[in-house]
Amino acid sequence: VLDITQEECAEVIVAISKISRFGIDNIKPDKPKTNREHLAEEL
């Protein structure tokens, strides 16, 4: 549980970084979700 929690924390960090770099409603060409949706999923 601790190991997976650590991984999820890292994924939240990446999702936040993408929002900071590209905007909250940006959609990466190869991804079906906005950065906002991805953040919600990771949270």
All heavy atoms as atom14 arrays in JSON, in Angstrom:
{
  "sequence": "VLDITQEECAEVIVAISKISRFGIDNIKPDKPKTNREHLAEEL",
  "atom14_mask": [
    [1, 1, 1, 1, 1, 1, 1, 0, 0, 0, 0, 0, 0, 0],
    [1, 1, 1, 1, 1, 1, 1, 1, 0, 0, 0, 0, 0, 0],
    [1, 1, 1, 1, 1, 1, 1, 1, 0, 0, 0, 0, 0, 0],
    [1, 1, 1, 1, 1, 1, 1, 1, 0, 0, 0, 0, 0, 0],
    [1, 1, 1, 1, 1, 1, 1, 0, 0, 0, 0, 0, 0, 0],
    [1, 1, 1, 1, 1, 1, 1, 1, 1, 0, 0, 0, 0, 0],
    [1, 1, 1, 1, 1, 1, 1, 1, 1, 0, 0, 0, 0, 0],
    [1, 1, 1, 1, 1, 1, 1, 1, 1, 0, 0, 0, 0, 0],
    [1, 1, 1, 1, 1, 1, 0, 0, 0, 0, 0, 0, 0, 0],
    [1, 1, 1, 1, 1, 0, 0, 0, 0, 0, 0, 0, 0, 0],
    [1, 1, 1, 1, 1, 1, 1, 1, 1, 0, 0, 0, 0, 0],
    [1, 1, 1, 1, 1, 1, 1, 0, 0, 0, 0, 0, 0, 0],
    [1, 1, 1, 1, 1, 1, 1, 1, 0, 0, 0, 0, 0, 0],
    [1, 1, 1, 1, 1, 1, 1, 0, 0, 0, 0, 0, 0, 0],
    [1, 1, 1, 1, 1, 0, 0, 0, 0, 0, 0, 0, 0, 0],
    [1, 1, 1, 1, 1, 1, 1, 1, 0, 0, 0, 0, 0, 0],
    [1, 1, 1, 1, 1, 1, 0, 0, 0, 0, 0, 0, 0, 0],
    [1, 1, 1, 1, 1, 1, 1, 1, 1, 0, 0, 0, 0, 0],
    [1, 1, 1, 1, 1, 1, 1, 1, 0, 0, 0, 0, 0, 0],
    [1, 1, 1, 1, 1, 1, 0, 0, 0, 0, 0, 0, 0, 0],
    [1, 1, 1, 1, 1, 1, 1, 1, 1, 1, 1, 0, 0, 0],
    [1, 1, 1, 1, 1, 1, 1, 1, 1, 1, 1, 0, 0, 0],
    [1, 1, 1, 1, 0, 0, 0, 0, 0, 0, 0, 0, 0, 0],
    [1, 1, 1, 1, 1, 1, 1, 1, 0, 0, 0, 0, 0, 0],
    [1, 1, 1, 1, 1, 1, 1, 1, 0, 0, 0, 0, 0, 0],
    [1, 1, 1, 1, 1, 1, 1, 1, 0, 0, 0, 0, 0, 0],
    [1, 1, 1, 1, 1, 1, 1, 1, 0, 0, 0, 0, 0, 0],
    [1, 1, 1, 1, 1, 1, 1, 1, 1, 0, 0, 0, 0, 0],
    [1, 1, 1, 1, 1, 1, 1, 0, 0, 0, 0, 0, 0, 0],
    [1, 1, 1, 1, 1, 1, 1, 1, 0, 0, 0, 0, 0, 0],
    [1, 1, 1, 1, 1, 1, 1, 1, 1, 0, 0, 0, 0, 0],
    [1, 1, 1, 1, 1, 1, 1, 0, 0, 0, 0, 0, 0, 0],
    [1, 1, 1, 1, 1, 1, 1, 1, 1, 0, 0, 0, 0, 0],
    [1, 1, 1, 1, 1, 1, 1, 0, 0, 0, 0, 0, 0, 0],
    [1, 1, 1, 1, 1, 1, 1, 1, 0, 0, 0, 0, 0, 0],
    [1, 1, 1, 1, 1, 1, 1, 1, 1, 1, 1, 0, 0, 0],
    [1, 1, 1, 1, 1, 1, 1, 1, 1, 0, 0, 0, 0, 0],
    [1, 1, 1, 1, 1, 1, 1, 1, 1, 1, 0, 0, 0, 0],
    [1, 1, 1, 1, 1, 1, 1, 1, 0, 0, 0, 0, 0, 0],
    [1, 1, 1, 1, 1, 0, 0, 0, 0, 0, 0, 0, 0, 0],
    [1, 1, 1, 1, 1, 1, 1, 1, 1, 0, 0, 0, 0, 0],
    [1, 1, 1, 1, 1, 1, 1, 1, 1, 0, 0, 0, 0, 0],
    [1, 1, 1, 1, 1, 1, 1, 1, 0, 0, 0, 0, 0, 0]
  ],
  "atom14_positions": [
    [[0.84, -1.2, 0.0], [0.0, 0.0, 0.0], [0.88, 1.26, 0.0], [0.62, 2.2, -0.74], [-0.99, -0.01, 1.19], [-1.69, 1.33, 1.33], [-2.02, -1.12, 1.01], [0.0, 0.0, 0.0], [0.0, 0.0, 0.0], [0.0, 0.0, 0.0], [0.0, 0.0, 0.0], [0.0, 0.0, 0.0], [0.0, 0.0, 0.0], [0.0, 0.0, 0.0]],
    [[1.94, 1.26, 0.79], [2.85, 2.41, 0.8], [3.53, 2.59, -0.54], [3.64, 3.72, -1.05], [3.92, 2.23, 1.89], [3.48, 2.52, 3.31], [4.61, 2.16, 4.27], [3.08, 3.96, 3.48], [0.0, 0.0, 0.0], [0.0, 0.0, 0.0], [0.0, 0.0, 0.0], [0.0, 0.0, 0.0], [0.0, 0.0, 0.0], [0.0, 0.0, 0.0]],
    [[3.99, 1.51, -1.15], [4.66, 1.6, -2.45], [3.73, 2.18, -3.52], [4.12, 3.06, -4.29], [5.16, 0.23, -2.89], [6.34, -0.26, -2.08], [6.97, 0.55, -1.37], [6.64, -1.48, -2.16], [0.0, 0.0, 0.0], [0.0, 0.0, 0.0], [0.0, 0.0, 0.0], [0.0, 0.0, 0.0], [0.0, 0.0, 0.0], [0.0, 0.0, 0.0]],
    [[2.5, 1.69, -3.56], [1.56, 2.18, -4.57], [1.16, 3.62, -4.27], [1.02, 4.44, -5.2], [0.34, 1.25, -4.67], [0.78, -0.14, -5.15], [-0.71, 1.83, -5.61], [-0.29, -1.21, -5.05], [0.0, 0.0, 0.0], [0.0, 0.0, 0.0], [0.0, 0.0, 0.0], [0.0, 0.0, 0.0], [0.0, 0.0, 0.0], [0.0, 0.0, 0.0]],
    [[1.02, 3.97, -2.99], [0.72, 5.36, -2.63], [1.83, 6.29, -3.11], [1.57, 7.36, -3.66], [0.52, 5.51, -1.11], [-0.54, 4.64, -0.7], [0.19, 6.94, -0.73], [0.0, 0.0, 0.0], [0.0, 0.0, 0.0], [0.0, 0.0, 0.0], [0.0, 0.0, 0.0], [0.0, 0.0, 0.0], [0.0, 0.0, 0.0], [0.0, 0.0, 0.0]],
    [[3.06, 5.86, -2.94], [4.2, 6.65, -3.4], [4.13, 6.86, -4.92], [4.33, 7.97, -5.42], [5.49, 5.94, -3.03], [6.75, 6.66, -3.39], [7.98, 5.91, -2.9], [7.91, 4.77, -2.45], [9.11, 6.57, -2.98], [0.0, 0.0, 0.0], [0.0, 0.0, 0.0], [0.0, 0.0, 0.0], [0.0, 0.0, 0.0], [0.0, 0.0, 0.0]],
    [[3.81, 5.81, -5.66], [3.68, 5.92, -7.11], [2.56, 6.88, -7.48], [2.71, 7.7, -8.41], [3.39, 4.55, -7.72], [4.56, 3.59, -7.63], [4.21, 2.17, -8.04], [3.09, 1.93, -8.54], [5.05, 1.28, -7.84], [0.0, 0.0, 0.0], [0.0, 0.0, 0.0], [0.0, 0.0, 0.0], [0.0, 0.0, 0.0], [0.0, 0.0, 0.0]],
    [[1.44, 6.8, -6.77], [0.32, 7.69, -7.07], [0.67, 9.15, -6.78], [0.27, 10.05, -7.53], [-0.94, 7.28, -6.3], [-1.51, 5.93, -6.71], [-1.88, 5.82, -8.18], [-2.1, 6.86, -8.86], [-1.93, 4.69, -8.68], [0.0, 0.0, 0.0], [0.0, 0.0, 0.0], [0.0, 0.0, 0.0], [0.0, 0.0, 0.0], [0.0, 0.0, 0.0]],
    [[1.45, 9.39, -5.72], [1.89, 10.76, -5.43], [2.72, 11.3, -6.59], [2.55, 12.46, -7.0], [2.71, 10.79, -4.14], [1.74, 10.57, -2.64], [0.0, 0.0, 0.0], [0.0, 0.0, 0.0], [0.0, 0.0, 0.0], [0.0, 0.0, 0.0], [0.0, 0.0, 0.0], [0.0, 0.0, 0.0], [0.0, 0.0, 0.0], [0.0, 0.0, 0.0]],
    [[3.59, 10.47, -7.13], [4.41, 10.89, -8.27], [3.54, 11.2, -9.48], [3.8, 12.17, -10.21], [5.43, 9.8, -8.61], [0.0, 0.0, 0.0], [0.0, 0.0, 0.0], [0.0, 0.0, 0.0], [0.0, 0.0, 0.0], [0.0, 0.0, 0.0], [0.0, 0.0, 0.0], [0.0, 0.0, 0.0], [0.0, 0.0, 0.0], [0.0, 0.0, 0.0]],
    [[2.5, 10.41, -9.7], [1.61, 10.65, -10.83], [0.81, 11.94, -10.66], [0.56, 12.65, -11.65], [0.71, 9.44, -11.05], [1.49, 8.23, -11.55], [0.68, 6.96, -11.65], [-0.57, 7.0, -11.53], [1.3, 5.9, -11.87], [0.0, 0.0, 0.0], [0.0, 0.0, 0.0], [0.0, 0.0, 0.0], [0.0, 0.0, 0.0], [0.0, 0.0, 0.0]],
    [[0.45, 12.28, -9.43], [-0.21, 13.57, -9.17], [0.75, 14.7, -9.49], [0.37, 15.7, -10.11], [-0.73, 13.65, -7.72], [-1.14, 15.07, -7.36], [-1.89, 12.69, -7.5], [0.0, 0.0, 0.0], [0.0, 0.0, 0.0], [0.0, 0.0, 0.0], [0.0, 0.0, 0.0], [0.0, 0.0, 0.0], [0.0, 0.0, 0.0], [0.0, 0.0, 0.0]],
    [[2.0, 14.55, -9.1], [3.0, 15.58, -9.38], [3.13, 15.8, -10.88], [3.17, 16.94, -11.36], [4.36, 15.2, -8.76], [4.27, 15.28, -7.23], [5.49, 16.08, -9.29], [5.45, 14.66, -6.5], [0.0, 0.0, 0.0], [0.0, 0.0, 0.0], [0.0, 0.0, 0.0], [0.0, 0.0, 0.0], [0.0, 0.0, 0.0], [0.0, 0.0, 0.0]],
    [[3.19, 14.74, -11.64], [3.3, 14.86, -13.1], [2.07, 15.55, -13.68], [2.18, 16.44, -14.53], [3.52, 13.48, -13.76], [3.4, 13.56, -15.27], [4.87, 12.91, -13.36], [0.0, 0.0, 0.0], [0.0, 0.0, 0.0], [0.0, 0.0, 0.0], [0.0, 0.0, 0.0], [0.0, 0.0, 0.0], [0.0, 0.0, 0.0], [0.0, 0.0, 0.0]],
    [[0.89, 15.17, -13.21], [-0.35, 15.79, -13.71], [-0.37, 17.29, -13.43], [-0.75, 18.09, -14.29], [-1.58, 15.1, -13.1], [0.0, 0.0, 0.0], [0.0, 0.0, 0.0], [0.0, 0.0, 0.0], [0.0, 0.0, 0.0], [0.0, 0.0, 0.0], [0.0, 0.0, 0.0], [0.0, 0.0, 0.0], [0.0, 0.0, 0.0], [0.0, 0.0, 0.0]],
    [[0.07, 17.69, -12.26], [0.13, 19.11, -11.91], [1.17, 19.83, -12.77], [0.93, 20.94, -13.24], [0.41, 19.29, -10.4], [-0.81, 18.83, -9.6], [0.78, 20.74, -10.08], [-0.57, 18.72, -8.11], [0.0, 0.0, 0.0], [0.0, 0.0, 0.0], [0.0, 0.0, 0.0], [0.0, 0.0, 0.0], [0.0, 0.0, 0.0], [0.0, 0.0, 0.0]],
    [[2.29, 19.18, -13.01], [3.32, 19.76, -13.86], [2.8, 20.02, -15.27], [3.08, 21.07, -15.87], [4.54, 18.83, -13.91], [5.51, 19.33, -14.79], [0.0, 0.0, 0.0], [0.0, 0.0, 0.0], [0.0, 0.0, 0.0], [0.0, 0.0, 0.0], [0.0, 0.0, 0.0], [0.0, 0.0, 0.0], [0.0, 0.0, 0.0], [0.0, 0.0, 0.0]],
    [[2.02, 19.08, -15.81], [1.45, 19.25, -17.15], [0.49, 20.43, -17.19], [0.46, 21.18, -18.17], [0.72, 17.98, -17.59], [1.6, 16.77, -17.72], [2.63, 16.9, -18.81], [3.43, 15.61, -18.92], [4.55, 15.71, -19.83], [0.0, 0.0, 0.0], [0.0, 0.0, 0.0], [0.0, 0.0, 0.0], [0.0, 0.0, 0.0], [0.0, 0.0, 0.0]],
    [[-0.27, 20.62, -16.13], [-1.18, 21.77, -16.06], [-0.38, 23.07, -16.03], [-0.7, 24.03, -16.74], [-2.13, 21.66, -14.85], [-3.13, 20.53, -15.08], [-2.83, 22.99, -14.58], [-3.96, 20.17, -13.87], [0.0, 0.0, 0.0], [0.0, 0.0, 0.0], [0.0, 0.0, 0.0], [0.0, 0.0, 0.0], [0.0, 0.0, 0.0], [0.0, 0.0, 0.0]],
    [[0.67, 23.09, -15.22], [1.51, 24.3, -15.13], [2.15, 24.63, -16.47], [2.26, 25.79, -16.85], [2.6, 24.11, -14.08], [2.04, 24.04, -12.8], [0.0, 0.0, 0.0], [0.0, 0.0, 0.0], [0.0, 0.0, 0.0], [0.0, 0.0, 0.0], [0.0, 0.0, 0.0], [0.0, 0.0, 0.0], [0.0, 0.0, 0.0], [0.0, 0.0, 0.0]],
    [[2.57, 23.61, -17.2], [3.26, 23.83, -18.46], [2.33, 24.12, -19.63], [2.63, 24.95, -20.48], [4.12, 22.61, -18.79], [5.3, 22.45, -17.85], [6.13, 21.23, -18.17], [6.73, 21.37, -19.5], [7.07, 20.33, -20.26], [6.85, 19.1, -19.85], [7.62, 20.53, -21.43], [0.0, 0.0, 0.0], [0.0, 0.0, 0.0], [0.0, 0.0, 0.0]],
    [[1.2, 23.41, -19.69], [0.38, 23.44, -20.9], [-1.05, 23.95, -20.71], [-1.76, 24.14, -21.67], [0.33, 22.04, -21.52], [1.68, 21.48, -21.82], [2.17, 20.4, -21.11], [2.49, 22.05, -22.8], [3.43, 19.89, -21.37], [3.75, 21.54, -23.08], [4.23, 20.45, -22.37], [0.0, 0.0, 0.0], [0.0, 0.0, 0.0], [0.0, 0.0, 0.0]],
    [[-1.47, 24.14, -19.46], [-2.82, 24.63, -19.19], [-3.75, 23.51, -18.75], [-3.58, 22.35, -19.11], [0.0, 0.0, 0.0], [0.0, 0.0, 0.0], [0.0, 0.0, 0.0], [0.0, 0.0, 0.0], [0.0, 0.0, 0.0], [0.0, 0.0, 0.0], [0.0, 0.0, 0.0], [0.0, 0.0, 0.0], [0.0, 0.0, 0.0], [0.0, 0.0, 0.0]],
    [[-4.75, 23.9, -17.99], [-5.63, 22.9, -17.36], [-6.54, 22.2, -18.37], [-6.89, 21.04, -18.19], [-6.43, 23.53, -16.2], [-7.02, 22.43, -15.33], [-7.49, 24.5, -16.72], [-7.38, 22.84, -13.94], [0.0, 0.0, 0.0], [0.0, 0.0, 0.0], [0.0, 0.0, 0.0], [0.0, 0.0, 0.0], [0.0, 0.0, 0.0], [0.0, 0.0, 0.0]],
    [[-6.92, 22.89, -19.42], [-7.84, 22.28, -20.38], [-7.16, 21.77, -21.64], [-7.82, 21.37, -22.6], [-8.96, 23.27, -20.73], [-9.86, 23.53, -19.53], [-10.23, 22.55, -18.85], [-10.16, 24.7, -19.26], [0.0, 0.0, 0.0], [0.0, 0.0, 0.0], [0.0, 0.0, 0.0], [0.0, 0.0, 0.0], [0.0, 0.0, 0.0], [0.0, 0.0, 0.0]],
    [[-5.83, 21.77, -21.63], [-5.08, 21.25, -22.76], [-5.29, 19.75, -22.93], [-5.41, 19.01, -21.95], [-3.58, 21.53, -22.57], [-2.75, 21.09, -23.75], [-2.89, 21.62, -24.83], [-1.88, 20.12, -23.52], [0.0, 0.0, 0.0], [0.0, 0.0, 0.0], [0.0, 0.0, 0.0], [0.0, 0.0, 0.0], [0.0, 0.0, 0.0], [0.0, 0.0, 0.0]],
    [[-5.36, 19.33, -24.18], [-5.44, 17.9, -24.48], [-4.22, 17.55, -25.32], [-4.01, 18.11, -26.39], [-6.71, 17.55, -25.28], [-7.96, 17.9, -24.47], [-6.72, 16.07, -25.67], [-9.25, 17.71, -25.24], [0.0, 0.0, 0.0], [0.0, 0.0, 0.0], [0.0, 0.0, 0.0], [0.0, 0.0, 0.0], [0.0, 0.0, 0.0], [0.0, 0.0, 0.0]],
    [[-3.41, 16.64, -24.81], [-2.25, 16.17, -25.55], [-2.74, 15.35, -26.75], [-3.7, 14.57, -26.61], [-1.37, 15.32, -24.64], [-0.01, 15.03, -25.18], [0.84, 14.32, -24.13], [2.17, 13.94, -24.73], [2.99, 13.22, -23.77], [0.0, 0.0, 0.0], [0.0, 0.0, 0.0], [0.0, 0.0, 0.0], [0.0, 0.0, 0.0], [0.0, 0.0, 0.0]],
    [[-2.15, 15.52, -27.92], [-2.66, 14.85, -29.13], [-2.9, 13.35, -28.99], [-3.86, 12.83, -29.53], [-1.58, 15.14, -30.17], [-0.95, 16.41, -29.71], [-1.01, 16.38, -28.21], [0.0, 0.0, 0.0], [0.0, 0.0, 0.0], [0.0, 0.0, 0.0], [0.0, 0.0, 0.0], [0.0, 0.0, 0.0], [0.0, 0.0, 0.0], [0.0, 0.0, 0.0]],
    [[-2.08, 12.65, -28.27], [-2.24, 11.19, -28.15], [-3.02, 10.75, -26.91], [-3.07, 9.57, -26.59], [-0.88, 10.49, -28.2], [0.02, 10.91, -27.05], [-0.16, 12.03, -26.52], [0.9, 10.12, -26.68], [0.0, 0.0, 0.0], [0.0, 0.0, 0.0], [0.0, 0.0, 0.0], [0.0, 0.0, 0.0], [0.0, 0.0, 0.0], [0.0, 0.0, 0.0]],
    [[-3.62, 11.71, -26.21], [-4.38, 11.4, -24.98], [-5.83, 11.83, -25.15], [-6.1, 12.89, -25.69], [-3.77, 12.13, -23.78], [-2.32, 11.82, -23.52], [-2.14, 10.43, -22.98], [-0.66, 10.19, -22.7], [-0.39, 8.88, -22.2], [0.0, 0.0, 0.0], [0.0, 0.0, 0.0], [0.0, 0.0, 0.0], [0.0, 0.0, 0.0], [0.0, 0.0, 0.0]],
    [[-6.78, 11.04, -24.64], [-8.19, 11.39, -24.81], [-8.73, 12.36, -23.75], [-9.85, 12.83, -23.86], [-8.89, 10.03, -24.69], [-8.01, 9.25, -23.77], [-6.59, 9.71, -24.1], [0.0, 0.0, 0.0], [0.0, 0.0, 0.0], [0.0, 0.0, 0.0], [0.0, 0.0, 0.0], [0.0, 0.0, 0.0], [0.0, 0.0, 0.0], [0.0, 0.0, 0.0]],
    [[-7.93, 12.66, -22.72], [-8.42, 13.47, -21.6], [-7.72, 14.8, -21.54], [-6.56, 14.93, -21.92], [-8.2, 12.72, -20.28], [-8.96, 11.42, -20.19], [-8.65, 10.72, -18.9], [-9.39, 9.39, -18.87], [-8.98, 8.57, -17.77], [0.0, 0.0, 0.0], [0.0, 0.0, 0.0], [0.0, 0.0, 0.0], [0.0, 0.0, 0.0], [0.0, 0.0, 0.0]],
    [[-8.43, 15.79, -20.97], [-7.79, 17.07, -20.69], [-6.87, 16.89, -19.48], [-6.97, 15.91, -18.73], [-8.82, 18.16, -20.36], [-9.49, 17.81, -19.14], [-9.83, 18.35, -21.48], [0.0, 0.0, 0.0], [0.0, 0.0, 0.0], [0.0, 0.0, 0.0], [0.0, 0.0, 0.0], [0.0, 0.0, 0.0], [0.0, 0.0, 0.0], [0.0, 0.0, 0.0]],
    [[-6.0, 17.85, -19.27], [-5.15, 17.82, -18.09], [-5.98, 17.86, -16.81], [-5.63, 17.24, -15.81], [-4.15, 18.98, -18.12], [-3.08, 18.77, -19.16], [-2.78, 17.65, -19.56], [-2.48, 19.87, -19.62], [0.0, 0.0, 0.0], [0.0, 0.0, 0.0], [0.0, 0.0, 0.0], [0.0, 0.0, 0.0], [0.0, 0.0, 0.0], [0.0, 0.0, 0.0]],
    [[-7.11, 18.56, -16.85], [-8.02, 18.61, -15.7], [-8.57, 17.22, -15.39], [-8.58, 16.78, -14.23], [-9.17, 19.57, -15.99], [-10.2, 19.71, -14.88], [-11.44, 20.48, -15.35], [-11.13, 21.68, -16.09], [-11.03, 22.9, -15.56], [-11.23, 23.07, -14.27], [-10.76, 23.94, -16.32], [0.0, 0.0, 0.0], [0.0, 0.0, 0.0], [0.0, 0.0, 0.0]],
    [[-9.0, 16.53, -16.42], [-9.55, 15.17, -16.23], [-8.48, 14.21, -15.73], [-8.74, 13.36, -14.88], [-10.14, 14.66, -17.54], [-11.4, 15.39, -17.96], [-11.8, 15.12, -19.39], [-10.93, 14.88, -20.25], [-13.03, 15.15, -19.65], [0.0, 0.0, 0.0], [0.0, 0.0, 0.0], [0.0, 0.0, 0.0], [0.0, 0.0, 0.0], [0.0, 0.0, 0.0]],
    [[-7.27, 14.38, -16.27], [-6.17, 13.52, -15.84], [-5.83, 13.77, -14.36], [-5.6, 12.83, -13.6], [-4.95, 13.74, -16.73], [-3.82, 12.82, -16.44], [-3.88, 11.47, -16.65], [-2.6, 13.06, -15.91], [-2.75, 10.92, -16.27], [-1.95, 11.86, -15.82], [0.0, 0.0, 0.0], [0.0, 0.0, 0.0], [0.0, 0.0, 0.0], [0.0, 0.0, 0.0]],
    [[-5.82, 15.04, -13.97], [-5.56, 15.38, -12.55], [-6.63, 14.77, -11.66], [-6.31, 14.18, -10.62], [-5.5, 16.9, -12.36], [-5.32, 17.37, -10.92], [-4.0, 16.87, -10.33], [-5.42, 18.89, -10.85], [0.0, 0.0, 0.0], [0.0, 0.0, 0.0], [0.0, 0.0, 0.0], [0.0, 0.0, 0.0], [0.0, 0.0, 0.0], [0.0, 0.0, 0.0]],
    [[-7.88, 14.89, -12.05], [-8.97, 14.32, -11.24], [-8.79, 12.81, -11.1], [-8.99, 12.25, -10.01], [-10.32, 14.65, -11.87], [0.0, 0.0, 0.0], [0.0, 0.0, 0.0], [0.0, 0.0, 0.0], [0.0, 0.0, 0.0], [0.0, 0.0, 0.0], [0.0, 0.0, 0.0], [0.0, 0.0, 0.0], [0.0, 0.0, 0.0], [0.0, 0.0, 0.0]],
    [[-8.41, 12.16, -12.18], [-8.19, 10.71, -12.13], [-7.06, 10.35, -11.17], [-7.2, 9.45, -10.34], [-7.86, 10.21, -13.53], [-7.63, 8.72, -13.62], [-7.32, 8.32, -15.05], [-8.24, 8.35, -15.89], [-6.15, 7.97, -15.32], [0.0, 0.0, 0.0], [0.0, 0.0, 0.0], [0.0, 0.0, 0.0], [0.0, 0.0, 0.0], [0.0, 0.0, 0.0]],
    [[-5.97, 11.08, -11.27], [-4.82, 10.78, -10.4], [-5.13, 11.11, -8.94], [-4.71, 10.37, -8.03], [-3.57, 11.53, -10.89], [-3.09, 11.12, -12.25], [-2.76, 9.65, -12.4], [-2.61, 8.94, -11.39], [-2.66, 9.19, -13.55], [0.0, 0.0, 0.0], [0.0, 0.0, 0.0], [0.0, 0.0, 0.0], [0.0, 0.0, 0.0], [0.0, 0.0, 0.0]],
    [[-5.85, 12.2, -8.69], [-6.23, 12.52, -7.31], [-7.18, 11.46, -6.74], [-7.09, 11.1, -5.57], [-6.86, 13.91, -7.23], [-5.9, 15.08, -7.42], [-6.67, 16.38, -7.54], [-4.88, 15.14, -6.29], [0.0, 0.0, 0.0], [0.0, 0.0, 0.0], [0.0, 0.0, 0.0], [0.0, 0.0, 0.0], [0.0, 0.0, 0.0], [0.0, 0.0, 0.0]]
  ]
}
